[in-house]
Amino acid sequence: MNESRAAAFARIPYEGPPEWREPVLEALARVVDPEIALTIVDVGLVYGVRLQDRIASILLTTTSAACPLADSIADDVESELMQVLPAGWAVDLELTWTPEWTPERMSPSARQFMGW
């Protein structure tokens, strides 16, 4: 794992078995925000992950409450997680806008890509 990815993962609160942390976060890092062509991890849209009682609870945000692709991103998150979670697990996605997303949540490589 490269330094930029490790730094992005370190900012995501995680509760669950330690051995599942990296596979779950890698799955989330495969989900791309189609409006800006960056992963939701690099953009800083993942606010938290909790694996408990056979449920993967993911707290997400979008860059704006009016994001037209929120459902698409949610579908992609569920699809990627179902590929790494054991059979019988469920995915529970919660969208939040508190705290509000800001560009400071982006990884250094995402900010560089955006020219910031």
PDB file of N, CA and C in Angstrom:
ATOM      1  N   MET A   1       0.853  -1.171   0.000  1.00  0.00           N
ATOM      2  CA  MET A   1       0.000   0.000   0.000  1.00  0.00           C
ATOM      3  C   MET A   1       0.903   1.239   0.000  1.00  0.00           C
ATOM      4  N   ASN A   2       0.567   2.209  -0.870  1.00  0.00           N
ATOM      5  CA  ASN A   2       1.399   3.410  -0.934  1.00  0.00           C
ATOM      6  C   ASN A   2       1.073   4.373   0.209  1.00  0.00           C
ATOM      7  N   GLU A   3       1.943   5.361   0.405  1.00  0.00           N
ATOM      8  CA  GLU A   3       1.790   6.300   1.521  1.00  0.00           C
ATOM      9  C   GLU A   3       0.503   7.099   1.443  1.00  0.00           C
ATOM     10  N   SER A   4       0.135   7.527   0.255  1.00  0.00           N
ATOM     11  CA  SER A   4      -1.081   8.314   0.092  1.00  0.00           C
ATOM     12  C   SER A   4      -2.309   7.497   0.481  1.00  0.00           C
ATOM     13  N   ARG A   5      -2.358   6.249   0.035  1.00  0.00           N
ATOM     14  CA  ARG A   5      -3.488   5.375   0.372  1.00  0.00           C
ATOM     15  C   ARG A   5      -3.502   5.096   1.875  1.00  0.00           C
ATOM     16  N   ALA A   6      -2.352   4.825   2.454  1.00  0.00           N
ATOM     17  CA  ALA A   6      -2.270   4.567   3.895  1.00  0.00           C
ATOM     18  C   ALA A   6      -2.750   5.778   4.692  1.00  0.00           C
ATOM     19  N   ALA A   7      -2.388   6.966   4.247  1.00  0.00           N
ATOM     20  CA  ALA A   7      -2.822   8.189   4.934  1.00  0.00           C
ATOM     21  C   ALA A   7      -4.330   8.368   4.811  1.00  0.00           C
ATOM     22  N   ALA A   8      -4.884   8.070   3.640  1.00  0.00           N
ATOM     23  CA  ALA A   8      -6.338   8.182   3.449  1.00  0.00           C
ATOM     24  C   ALA A   8      -7.063   7.177   4.338  1.00  0.00           C
ATOM     25  N   PHE A   9      -6.547   5.956   4.430  1.00  0.00           N
ATOM     26  CA  PHE A   9      -7.173   4.938   5.278  1.00  0.00           C
ATOM     27  C   PHE A   9      -7.088   5.330   6.752  1.00  0.00           C
ATOM     28  N   ALA A  10      -5.978   5.919   7.153  1.00  0.00           N
ATOM     29  CA  ALA A  10      -5.778   6.278   8.557  1.00  0.00           C
ATOM     30  C   ALA A  10      -6.809   7.297   9.042  1.00  0.00           C
ATOM     31  N   ARG A  11      -7.344   8.091   8.132  1.00  0.00           N
ATOM     32  CA  ARG A  11      -8.322   9.119   8.520  1.00  0.00           C
ATOM     33  C   ARG A  11      -9.734   8.567   8.678  1.00  0.00           C
ATOM     34  N   ILE A  12      -9.958   7.324   8.317  1.00  0.00           N
ATOM     35  CA  ILE A  12     -11.300   6.747   8.381  1.00  0.00           C
ATOM     36  C   ILE A  12     -11.457   5.975   9.686  1.00  0.00           C
ATOM     37  N   PRO A  13     -12.365   6.414  10.571  1.00  0.00           N
ATOM     38  CA  PRO A  13     -12.612   5.651  11.795  1.00  0.00           C
ATOM     39  C   PRO A  13     -13.118   4.243  11.443  1.00  0.00           C
ATOM     40  N   TYR A  14     -12.542   3.236  12.089  1.00  0.00           N
ATOM     41  CA  TYR A  14     -12.873   1.851  11.807  1.00  0.00           C
ATOM     42  C   TYR A  14     -13.082   1.102  13.115  1.00  0.00           C
ATOM     43  N   GLU A  15     -14.185   0.369  13.196  1.00  0.00           N
ATOM     44  CA  GLU A  15     -14.447  -0.536  14.316  1.00  0.00           C
ATOM     45  C   GLU A  15     -14.747  -1.903  13.727  1.00  0.00           C
ATOM     46  N   GLY A  16     -14.007  -2.887  14.141  1.00  0.00           N
ATOM     47  CA  GLY A  16     -14.246  -4.233  13.645  1.00  0.00           C
ATOM     48  C   GLY A  16     -12.997  -5.065  13.745  1.00  0.00           C
ATOM     49  N   PRO A  17     -13.065  -6.296  13.255  1.00  0.00           N
ATOM     50  CA  PRO A  17     -11.895  -7.169  13.299  1.00  0.00           C
ATOM     51  C   PRO A  17     -10.719  -6.540  12.549  1.00  0.00           C
ATOM     52  N   PRO A  18      -9.564  -6.489  13.179  1.00  0.00           N
ATOM     53  CA  PRO A  18      -8.399  -5.860  12.535  1.00  0.00           C
ATOM     54  C   PRO A  18      -8.046  -6.463  11.181  1.00  0.00           C
ATOM     55  N   GLU A  19      -8.235  -7.766  11.032  1.00  0.00           N
ATOM     56  CA  GLU A  19      -7.854  -8.419   9.776  1.00  0.00           C
ATOM     57  C   GLU A  19      -8.773  -8.052   8.615  1.00  0.00           C
ATOM     58  N   TRP A  20      -9.915  -7.457   8.887  1.00  0.00           N
ATOM     59  CA  TRP A  20     -10.836  -7.053   7.819  1.00  0.00           C
ATOM     60  C   TRP A  20     -10.691  -5.595   7.447  1.00  0.00           C
ATOM     61  N   ARG A  21      -9.939  -4.847   8.236  1.00  0.00           N
ATOM     62  CA  ARG A  21      -9.814  -3.407   7.998  1.00  0.00           C
ATOM     63  C   ARG A  21      -9.328  -3.107   6.584  1.00  0.00           C
ATOM     64  N   GLU A  22      -8.186  -3.659   6.229  1.00  0.00           N
ATOM     65  CA  GLU A  22      -7.615  -3.348   4.918  1.00  0.00           C
ATOM     66  C   GLU A  22      -8.482  -3.844   3.756  1.00  0.00           C
ATOM     67  N   PRO A  23      -8.994  -5.087   3.779  1.00  0.00           N
ATOM     68  CA  PRO A  23      -9.845  -5.501   2.656  1.00  0.00           C
ATOM     69  C   PRO A  23     -11.107  -4.645   2.502  1.00  0.00           C
ATOM     70  N   VAL A  24     -11.714  -4.256   3.601  1.00  0.00           N
ATOM     71  CA  VAL A  24     -12.922  -3.429   3.524  1.00  0.00           C
ATOM     72  C   VAL A  24     -12.579  -2.037   3.005  1.00  0.00           C
ATOM     73  N   LEU A  25     -11.508  -1.446   3.517  1.00  0.00           N
ATOM     74  CA  LEU A  25     -11.126  -0.113   3.051  1.00  0.00           C
ATOM     75  C   LEU A  25     -10.659  -0.145   1.597  1.00  0.00           C
ATOM     76  N   GLU A  26      -9.989  -1.218   1.195  1.00  0.00           N
ATOM     77  CA  GLU A  26      -9.599  -1.358  -0.212  1.00  0.00           C
ATOM     78  C   GLU A  26     -10.840  -1.454  -1.105  1.00  0.00           C
ATOM     79  N   ALA A  27     -11.860  -2.168  -0.632  1.00  0.00           N
ATOM     80  CA  ALA A  27     -13.111  -2.261  -1.404  1.00  0.00           C
ATOM     81  C   ALA A  27     -13.719  -0.871  -1.563  1.00  0.00           C
ATOM     82  N   LEU A  28     -13.749  -0.094  -0.489  1.00  0.00           N
ATOM     83  CA  LEU A  28     -14.290   1.263  -0.575  1.00  0.00           C
ATOM     84  C   LEU A  28     -13.446   2.130  -1.510  1.00  0.00           C
ATOM     85  N   ALA A  29     -12.153   1.882  -1.531  1.00  0.00           N
ATOM     86  CA  ALA A  29     -11.252   2.665  -2.386  1.00  0.00           C
ATOM     87  C   ALA A  29     -11.412   2.322  -3.866  1.00  0.00           C
ATOM     88  N   ARG A  30     -12.162   1.286  -4.181  1.00  0.00           N
ATOM     89  CA  ARG A  30     -12.451   0.967  -5.584  1.00  0.00           C
ATOM     90  C   ARG A  30     -13.695   1.699  -6.091  1.00  0.00           C
ATOM     91  N   VAL A  31     -14.410   2.356  -5.179  1.00  0.00           N
ATOM     92  CA  VAL A  31     -15.617   3.083  -5.575  1.00  0.00           C
ATOM     93  C   VAL A  31     -15.218   4.491  -6.000  1.00  0.00           C
ATOM     94  N   VAL A  32     -15.606   4.853  -7.213  1.00  0.00           N
ATOM     95  CA  VAL A  32     -15.238   6.146  -7.785  1.00  0.00           C
ATOM     96  C   VAL A  32     -16.441   7.076  -7.786  1.00  0.00           C
ATOM     97  N   ASP A  33     -16.215   8.309  -7.367  1.00  0.00           N
ATOM     98  CA  ASP A  33     -17.240   9.344  -7.500  1.00  0.00           C
ATOM     99  C   ASP A  33     -17.225   9.738  -8.973  1.00  0.00           C
ATOM    100  N   PRO A  34     -18.275   9.379  -9.722  1.00  0.00           N
ATOM    101  CA  PRO A  34     -18.231   9.589 -11.170  1.00  0.00           C
ATOM    102  C   PRO A  34     -18.177  11.048 -11.605  1.00  0.00           C
ATOM    103  N   GLU A  35     -18.572  11.957 -10.731  1.00  0.00           N
ATOM    104  CA  GLU A  35     -18.535  13.373 -11.117  1.00  0.00           C
ATOM    105  C   GLU A  35     -17.123  13.930 -11.167  1.00  0.00           C
ATOM    106  N   ILE A  36     -16.239  13.375 -10.330  1.00  0.00           N
ATOM    107  CA  ILE A  36     -14.884  13.933 -10.291  1.00  0.00           C
ATOM    108  C   ILE A  36     -13.791  12.908 -10.576  1.00  0.00           C
ATOM    109  N   ALA A  37     -14.171  11.678 -10.868  1.00  0.00           N
ATOM    110  CA  ALA A  37     -13.234  10.621 -11.272  1.00  0.00           C
ATOM    111  C   ALA A  37     -12.160  10.331 -10.230  1.00  0.00           C
ATOM    112  N   LEU A  38     -12.530  10.427  -8.956  1.00  0.00           N
ATOM    113  CA  LEU A  38     -11.642  10.075  -7.854  1.00  0.00           C
ATOM    114  C   LEU A  38     -12.378   9.112  -6.932  1.00  0.00           C
ATOM    115  N   THR A  39     -11.635   8.315  -6.178  1.00  0.00           N
ATOM    116  CA  THR A  39     -12.284   7.372  -5.273  1.00  0.00           C
ATOM    117  C   THR A  39     -12.929   8.113  -4.107  1.00  0.00           C
ATOM    118  N   ILE A  40     -13.959   7.483  -3.536  1.00  0.00           N
ATOM    119  CA  ILE A  40     -14.636   8.104  -2.402  1.00  0.00           C
ATOM    120  C   ILE A  40     -13.723   8.183  -1.189  1.00  0.00           C
ATOM    121  N   VAL A  41     -12.724   7.311  -1.117  1.00  0.00           N
ATOM    122  CA  VAL A  41     -11.745   7.380  -0.033  1.00  0.00           C
ATOM    123  C   VAL A  41     -10.852   8.595  -0.230  1.00  0.00           C
ATOM    124  N   ASP A  42     -10.333   8.804  -1.438  1.00  0.00           N
ATOM    125  CA  ASP A  42      -9.462   9.947  -1.704  1.00  0.00           C
ATOM    126  C   ASP A  42     -10.195  11.282  -1.572  1.00  0.00           C
ATOM    127  N   VAL A  43     -11.469  11.288  -1.918  1.00  0.00           N
ATOM    128  CA  VAL A  43     -12.251  12.528  -1.812  1.00  0.00           C
ATOM    129  C   VAL A  43     -12.610  12.810  -0.353  1.00  0.00           C
ATOM    130  N   GLY A  44     -12.561  11.792   0.501  1.00  0.00           N
ATOM    131  CA  GLY A  44     -12.887  11.984   1.911  1.00  0.00           C
ATOM    132  C   GLY A  44     -14.370  11.848   2.202  1.00  0.00           C
ATOM    133  N   LEU A  45     -15.060  11.028   1.413  1.00  0.00           N
ATOM    134  CA  LEU A  45     -16.501  10.858   1.592  1.00  0.00           C
ATOM    135  C   LEU A  45     -16.863   9.781   2.607  1.00  0.00           C
ATOM    136  N   VAL A  46     -15.903   8.955   2.998  1.00  0.00           N
ATOM    137  CA  VAL A  46     -16.170   7.897   3.975  1.00  0.00           C
ATOM    138  C   VAL A  46     -15.872   8.452   5.366  1.00  0.00           C
ATOM    139  N   TYR A  47     -16.916   8.545   6.176  1.00  0.00           N
ATOM    140  CA  TYR A  47     -16.782   9.099   7.532  1.00  0.00           C
ATOM    141  C   TYR A  47     -16.561   8.030   8.592  1.00  0.00           C
ATOM    142  N   GLY A  48     -16.892   6.780   8.292  1.00  0.00           N
ATOM    143  CA  GLY A  48     -16.680   5.730   9.278  1.00  0.00           C
ATOM    144  C   GLY A  48     -17.130   4.376   8.792  1.00  0.00           C
ATOM    145  N   VAL A  49     -16.524   3.330   9.391  1.00  0.00           N
ATOM    146  CA  VAL A  49     -16.829   1.937   9.069  1.00  0.00           C
ATOM    147  C   VAL A  49     -16.950   1.178  10.392  1.00  0.00           C
ATOM    148  N   ARG A  50     -18.033   0.411  10.522  1.00  0.00           N
ATOM    149  CA  ARG A  50     -18.179  -0.450  11.695  1.00  0.00           C
ATOM    150  C   ARG A  50     -18.667  -1.820  11.231  1.00  0.00           C
ATOM    151  N   LEU A  51     -17.938  -2.858  11.608  1.00  0.00           N
ATOM    152  CA  LEU A  51     -18.321  -4.238  11.300  1.00  0.00           C
ATOM    153  C   LEU A  51     -18.734  -4.890  12.611  1.00  0.00           C
ATOM    154  N   GLN A  52     -20.021  -5.219  12.700  1.00  0.00           N
ATOM    155  CA  GLN A  52     -20.527  -5.786  13.948  1.00  0.00           C
ATOM    156  C   GLN A  52     -21.814  -6.557  13.669  1.00  0.00           C
ATOM    157  N   ASP A  53     -21.969  -7.682  14.314  1.00  0.00           N
ATOM    158  CA  ASP A  53     -23.192  -8.482  14.209  1.00  0.00           C
ATOM    159  C   ASP A  53     -23.568  -8.801  12.764  1.00  0.00           C
ATOM    160  N   ARG A  54     -22.567  -9.121  11.954  1.00  0.00           N
ATOM    161  CA  ARG A  54     -22.763  -9.486  10.540  1.00  0.00           C
ATOM    162  C   ARG A  54     -23.344  -8.347   9.700  1.00  0.00           C
ATOM    163  N   ILE A  55     -23.083  -7.120  10.143  1.00  0.00           N
ATOM    164  CA  ILE A  55     -23.503  -5.930   9.397  1.00  0.00           C
ATOM    165  C   ILE A  55     -22.301  -5.013   9.225  1.00  0.00           C
ATOM    166  N   ALA A  56     -22.073  -4.599   7.989  1.00  0.00           N
ATOM    167  CA  ALA A  56     -21.048  -3.594   7.697  1.00  0.00           C
ATOM    168  C   ALA A  56     -21.773  -2.253   7.602  1.00  0.00           C
ATOM    169  N   SER A  57     -21.580  -1.427   8.615  1.00  0.00           N
ATOM    170  CA  SER A  57     -22.215  -0.110   8.647  1.00  0.00           C
ATOM    171  C   SER A  57     -21.219   0.914   8.135  1.00  0.00           C
ATOM    172  N   ILE A  58     -21.623   1.632   7.100  1.00  0.00           N
ATOM    173  CA  ILE A  58     -20.747   2.609   6.469  1.00  0.00           C
ATOM    174  C   ILE A  58     -21.416   3.973   6.565  1.00  0.00           C
ATOM    175  N   LEU A  59     -20.704   4.931   7.118  1.00  0.00           N
ATOM    176  CA  LEU A  59     -21.186   6.309   7.205  1.00  0.00           C
ATOM    177  C   LEU A  59     -20.512   7.100   6.095  1.00  0.00           C
ATOM    178  N   LEU A  60     -21.329   7.621   5.171  1.00  0.00           N
ATOM    179  CA  LEU A  60     -20.831   8.327   3.988  1.00  0.00           C
ATOM    180  C   LEU A  60     -21.418   9.725   3.916  1.00  0.00           C
ATOM    181  N   THR A  61     -20.760  10.544   3.155  1.00  0.00           N
ATOM    182  CA  THR A  61     -21.308  11.834   2.798  1.00  0.00           C
ATOM    183  C   THR A  61     -21.145  12.004   1.296  1.00  0.00           C
ATOM    184  N   THR A  62     -21.628  13.099   0.793  1.00  0.00           N
ATOM    185  CA  THR A  62     -21.379  13.480  -0.595  1.00  0.00           C
ATOM    186  C   THR A  62     -20.859  14.910  -0.563  1.00  0.00           C
ATOM    187  N   THR A  63     -20.341  15.354  -1.677  1.00  0.00           N
ATOM    188  CA  THR A  63     -19.783  16.715  -1.688  1.00  0.00           C
ATOM    189  C   THR A  63     -20.864  17.770  -1.557  1.00  0.00           C
ATOM    190  N   SER A  64     -22.125  17.389  -1.831  1.00  0.00           N
ATOM    191  CA  SER A  64     -23.254  18.289  -1.581  1.00  0.00           C
ATOM    192  C   SER A  64     -24.492  17.435  -1.316  1.00  0.00           C
ATOM    193  N   ALA A  65     -25.415  17.985  -0.550  1.00  0.00           N
ATOM    194  CA  ALA A  65     -26.649  17.252  -0.229  1.00  0.00           C
ATOM    195  C   ALA A  65     -27.485  16.992  -1.479  1.00  0.00           C
ATOM    196  N   ALA A  66     -27.259  17.764  -2.521  1.00  0.00           N
ATOM    197  CA  ALA A  66     -28.016  17.610  -3.760  1.00  0.00           C
ATOM    198  C   ALA A  66     -27.300  16.741  -4.791  1.00  0.00           C
ATOM    199  N   CYS A  67     -26.344  15.950  -4.358  1.00  0.00           N
ATOM    200  CA  CYS A  67     -25.564  15.118  -5.281  1.00  0.00           C
ATOM    201  C   CYS A  67     -26.491  14.203  -6.080  1.00  0.00           C
ATOM    202  N   PRO A  68     -26.509  14.321  -7.406  1.00  0.00           N
ATOM    203  CA  PRO A  68     -27.403  13.501  -8.215  1.00  0.00           C
ATOM    204  C   PRO A  68     -26.956  12.039  -8.330  1.00  0.00           C
ATOM    205  N   LEU A  69     -25.728  11.744  -7.914  1.00  0.00           N
ATOM    206  CA  LEU A  69     -25.205  10.387  -8.075  1.00  0.00           C
ATOM    207  C   LEU A  69     -25.061   9.637  -6.755  1.00  0.00           C
ATOM    208  N   ALA A  70     -25.684  10.136  -5.695  1.00  0.00           N
ATOM    209  CA  ALA A  70     -25.573   9.488  -4.388  1.00  0.00           C
ATOM    210  C   ALA A  70     -26.043   8.037  -4.437  1.00  0.00           C
ATOM    211  N   ASP A  71     -27.128   7.768  -5.125  1.00  0.00           N
ATOM    212  CA  ASP A  71     -27.633   6.390  -5.211  1.00  0.00           C
ATOM    213  C   ASP A  71     -26.662   5.492  -5.961  1.00  0.00           C
ATOM    214  N   SER A  72     -26.055   6.007  -7.002  1.00  0.00           N
ATOM    215  CA  SER A  72     -25.081   5.239  -7.772  1.00  0.00           C
ATOM    216  C   SER A  72     -23.865   4.904  -6.914  1.00  0.00           C
ATOM    217  N   ILE A  73     -23.388   5.883  -6.162  1.00  0.00           N
ATOM    218  CA  ILE A  73     -22.240   5.655  -5.277  1.00  0.00           C
ATOM    219  C   ILE A  73     -22.610   4.618  -4.217  1.00  0.00           C
ATOM    220  N   ALA A  74     -23.791   4.737  -3.630  1.00  0.00           N
ATOM    221  CA  ALA A  74     -24.242   3.779  -2.619  1.00  0.00           C
ATOM    222  C   ALA A  74     -24.316   2.365  -3.190  1.00  0.00           C
ATOM    223  N   ASP A  75     -24.833   2.225  -4.400  1.00  0.00           N
ATOM    224  CA  ASP A  75     -24.894   0.907  -5.048  1.00  0.00           C
ATOM    225  C   ASP A  75     -23.502   0.332  -5.258  1.00  0.00           C
ATOM    226  N   ASP A  76     -22.575   1.173  -5.686  1.00  0.00           N
ATOM    227  CA  ASP A  76     -21.200   0.717  -5.907  1.00  0.00           C
ATOM    228  C   ASP A  76     -20.535   0.306  -4.592  1.00  0.00           C
ATOM    229  N   VAL A  77     -20.787   1.060  -3.520  1.00  0.00           N
ATOM    230  CA  VAL A  77     -20.235   0.708  -2.204  1.00  0.00           C
ATOM    231  C   VAL A  77     -20.733  -0.679  -1.799  1.00  0.00           C
ATOM    232  N   GLU A  78     -22.023  -0.884  -1.902  1.00  0.00           N
ATOM    233  CA  GLU A  78     -22.586  -2.176  -1.509  1.00  0.00           C
ATOM    234  C   GLU A  78     -22.011  -3.301  -2.371  1.00  0.00           C
ATOM    235  N   SER A  79     -21.921  -3.093  -3.659  1.00  0.00           N
ATOM    236  CA  SER A  79     -21.394  -4.107  -4.563  1.00  0.00           C
ATOM    237  C   SER A  79     -19.950  -4.473  -4.222  1.00  0.00           C
ATOM    238  N   GLU A  80     -19.110  -3.481  -4.002  1.00  0.00           N
ATOM    239  CA  GLU A  80     -17.701  -3.745  -3.677  1.00  0.00           C
ATOM    240  C   GLU A  80     -17.561  -4.448  -2.326  1.00  0.00           C
ATOM    241  N   LEU A  81     -18.355  -4.030  -1.339  1.00  0.00           N
ATOM    242  CA  LEU A  81     -18.251  -4.656  -0.024  1.00  0.00           C
ATOM    243  C   LEU A  81     -18.728  -6.103  -0.042  1.00  0.00           C
ATOM    244  N   MET A  82     -19.765  -6.387  -0.808  1.00  0.00           N
ATOM    245  CA  MET A  82     -20.287  -7.752  -0.859  1.00  0.00           C
ATOM    246  C   MET A  82     -19.267  -8.710  -1.472  1.00  0.00           C
ATOM    247  N   GLN A  83     -18.303  -8.175  -2.209  1.00  0.00           N
ATOM    248  CA  GLN A  83     -17.253  -9.019  -2.793  1.00  0.00           C
ATOM    249  C   GLN A  83     -16.205  -9.436  -1.761  1.00  0.00           C
ATOM    250  N   VAL A  84     -16.081  -8.684  -0.661  1.00  0.00           N
ATOM    251  CA  VAL A  84     -15.046  -8.998   0.329  1.00  0.00           C
ATOM    252  C   VAL A  84     -15.603  -9.493   1.663  1.00  0.00           C
ATOM    253  N   LEU A  85     -16.876  -9.220   1.934  1.00  0.00           N
ATOM    254  CA  LEU A  85     -17.457  -9.665   3.197  1.00  0.00           C
ATOM    255  C   LEU A  85     -17.843 -11.140   3.124  1.00  0.00           C
ATOM    256  N   PRO A  86     -17.824 -11.817   4.268  1.00  0.00           N
ATOM    257  CA  PRO A  86     -18.257 -13.218   4.282  1.00  0.00           C
ATOM    258  C   PRO A  86     -19.735 -13.344   3.891  1.00  0.00           C
ATOM    259  N   ALA A  87     -20.091 -14.511   3.388  1.00  0.00           N
ATOM    260  CA  ALA A  87     -21.489 -14.782   3.025  1.00  0.00           C
ATOM    261  C   ALA A  87     -22.377 -14.546   4.248  1.00  0.00           C
ATOM    262  N   GLY A  88     -23.538 -13.990   3.996  1.00  0.00           N
ATOM    263  CA  GLY A  88     -24.494 -13.756   5.071  1.00  0.00           C
ATOM    264  C   GLY A  88     -24.391 -12.396   5.728  1.00  0.00           C
ATOM    265  N   TRP A  89     -23.406 -11.608   5.331  1.00  0.00           N
ATOM    266  CA  TRP A  89     -23.278 -10.261   5.887  1.00  0.00           C
ATOM    267  C   TRP A  89     -24.164  -9.300   5.106  1.00  0.00           C
ATOM    268  N   ALA A  90     -24.574  -8.238   5.775  1.00  0.00           N
ATOM    269  CA  ALA A  90     -25.369  -7.189   5.149  1.00  0.00           C
ATOM    270  C   ALA A  90     -24.585  -5.884   5.185  1.00  0.00           C
ATOM    271  N   VAL A  91     -24.958  -4.981   4.296  1.00  0.00           N
ATOM    272  CA  VAL A  91     -24.342  -3.656   4.249  1.00  0.00           C
ATOM    273  C   VAL A  91     -25.416  -2.638   4.608  1.00  0.00           C
ATOM    274  N   ASP A  92     -25.092  -1.778   5.558  1.00  0.00           N
ATOM    275  CA  ASP A  92     -25.993  -0.712   5.976  1.00  0.00           C
ATOM    276  C   ASP A  92     -25.291   0.616   5.698  1.00  0.00           C
ATOM    277  N   LEU A  93     -25.809   1.372   4.738  1.00  0.00           N
ATOM    278  CA  LEU A  93     -25.214   2.659   4.380  1.00  0.00           C
ATOM    279  C   LEU A  93     -26.035   3.778   4.981  1.00  0.00           C
ATOM    280  N   GLU A  94     -25.349   4.715   5.583  1.00  0.00           N
ATOM    281  CA  GLU A  94     -26.012   5.905   6.103  1.00  0.00           C
ATOM    282  C   GLU A  94     -25.352   7.130   5.486  1.00  0.00           C
ATOM    283  N   LEU A  95     -26.169   7.956   4.836  1.00  0.00           N
ATOM    284  CA  LEU A  95     -25.673   9.218   4.290  1.00  0.00           C
ATOM    285  C   LEU A  95     -25.861  10.307   5.337  1.00  0.00           C
ATOM    286  N   THR A  96     -24.843  11.122   5.505  1.00  0.00           N
ATOM    287  CA  THR A  96     -24.907  12.222   6.454  1.00  0.00           C
ATOM    288  C   THR A  96     -24.281  13.458   5.836  1.00  0.00           C
ATOM    289  N   TRP A  97     -24.678  14.597   6.326  1.00  0.00           N
ATOM    290  CA  TRP A  97     -24.048  15.851   5.902  1.00  0.00           C
ATOM    291  C   TRP A  97     -23.529  16.608   7.108  1.00  0.00           C
ATOM    292  N   THR A  98     -23.326  15.868   8.197  1.00  0.00           N
ATOM    293  CA  THR A  98     -22.773  16.435   9.417  1.00  0.00           C
ATOM    294  C   THR A  98     -21.608  15.571   9.853  1.00  0.00           C
ATOM    295  N   PRO A  99     -20.416  16.066   9.902  1.00  0.00           N
ATOM    296  CA  PRO A  99     -20.054  17.421   9.495  1.00  0.00           C
ATOM    297  C   PRO A  99     -20.076  17.551   7.973  1.00  0.00           C
ATOM    298  N   GLU A 100     -20.262  18.763   7.554  1.00  0.00           N
ATOM    299  CA  GLU A 100     -20.299  19.059   6.129  1.00  0.00           C
ATOM    300  C   GLU A 100     -18.958  18.721   5.494  1.00  0.00           C
ATOM    301  N   TRP A 101     -19.008  18.140   4.295  1.00  0.00           N
ATOM    302  CA  TRP A 101     -17.777  17.828   3.572  1.00  0.00           C
ATOM    303  C   TRP A 101     -17.097  19.130   3.149  1.00  0.00           C
ATOM    304  N   THR A 102     -15.773  19.144   3.243  1.00  0.00           N
ATOM    305  CA  THR A 102     -14.976  20.263   2.751  1.00  0.00           C
ATOM    306  C   THR A 102     -13.778  19.686   1.995  1.00  0.00           C
ATOM    307  N   PRO A 103     -13.169  20.464   1.117  1.00  0.00           N
ATOM    308  CA  PRO A 103     -12.009  19.962   0.364  1.00  0.00           C
ATOM    309  C   PRO A 103     -10.835  19.541   1.253  1.00  0.00           C
ATOM    310  N   GLU A 104     -10.796  19.998   2.491  1.00  0.00           N
ATOM    311  CA  GLU A 104      -9.718  19.593   3.398  1.00  0.00           C
ATOM    312  C   GLU A 104      -9.765  18.099   3.701  1.00  0.00           C
ATOM    313  N   ARG A 105     -10.898  17.462   3.456  1.00  0.00           N
ATOM    314  CA  ARG A 105     -11.031  16.023   3.695  1.00  0.00           C
ATOM    315  C   ARG A 105     -10.342  15.202   2.602  1.00  0.00           C
ATOM    316  N   MET A 106      -9.993  15.829   1.502  1.00  0.00           N
ATOM    317  CA  MET A 106      -9.383  15.112   0.381  1.00  0.00           C
ATOM    318  C   MET A 106      -7.949  14.703   0.705  1.00  0.00           C
ATOM    319  N   SER A 107      -7.547  13.595   0.131  1.00  0.00           N
ATOM    320  CA  SER A 107      -6.161  13.154   0.280  1.00  0.00           C
ATOM    321  C   SER A 107      -5.252  14.118  -0.483  1.00  0.00           C
ATOM    322  N   PRO A 108      -3.971  14.155  -0.123  1.00  0.00           N
ATOM    323  CA  PRO A 108      -3.037  15.016  -0.861  1.00  0.00           C
ATOM    324  C   PRO A 108      -3.026  14.713  -2.369  1.00  0.00           C
ATOM    325  N   SER A 109      -3.107  13.439  -2.730  1.00  0.00           N
ATOM    326  CA  SER A 109      -3.079  13.110  -4.155  1.00  0.00           C
ATOM    327  C   SER A 109      -4.354  13.587  -4.845  1.00  0.00           C
ATOM    328  N   ALA A 110      -5.486  13.556  -4.159  1.00  0.00           N
ATOM    329  CA  ALA A 110      -6.742  14.051  -4.746  1.00  0.00           C
ATOM    330  C   ALA A 110      -6.682  15.560  -4.922  1.00  0.00           C
ATOM    331  N   ARG A 111      -6.141  16.254  -3.927  1.00  0.00           N
ATOM    332  CA  ARG A 111      -6.007  17.722  -4.042  1.00  0.00           C
ATOM    333  C   ARG A 111      -5.088  18.077  -5.197  1.00  0.00           C
ATOM    334  N   GLN A 112      -4.008  17.310  -5.352  1.00  0.00           N
ATOM    335  CA  GLN A 112      -3.084  17.564  -6.451  1.00  0.00           C
ATOM    336  C   GLN A 112      -3.777  17.313  -7.788  1.00  0.00           C
ATOM    337  N   PHE A 113      -4.537  16.226  -7.887  1.00  0.00           N
ATOM    338  CA  PHE A 113      -5.284  15.914  -9.108  1.00  0.00           C
ATOM    339  C   PHE A 113      -6.240  17.048  -9.480  1.00  0.00           C
ATOM    340  N   MET A 114      -6.869  17.636  -8.467  1.00  0.00           N
ATOM    341  CA  MET A 114      -7.828  18.725  -8.686  1.00  0.00           C
ATOM    342  C   MET A 114      -7.119  20.074  -8.917  1.00  0.00           C
ATOM    343  N   GLY A 115      -5.804  20.087  -8.718  1.00  0.00           N
ATOM    344  CA  GLY A 115      -5.054  21.338  -8.912  1.00  0.00           C
ATOM    345  C   GLY A 115      -5.158  22.292  -7.723  1.00  0.00           C
ATOM    346  N   TRP A 116      -5.426  21.725  -6.533  1.00  0.00           N
ATOM    347  CA  TRP A 116      -5.560  22.564  -5.331  1.00  0.00           C
ATOM    348  C   TRP A 116      -4.302  22.508  -4.518  1.00  0.00           C
TER     349      TRP A 116
END
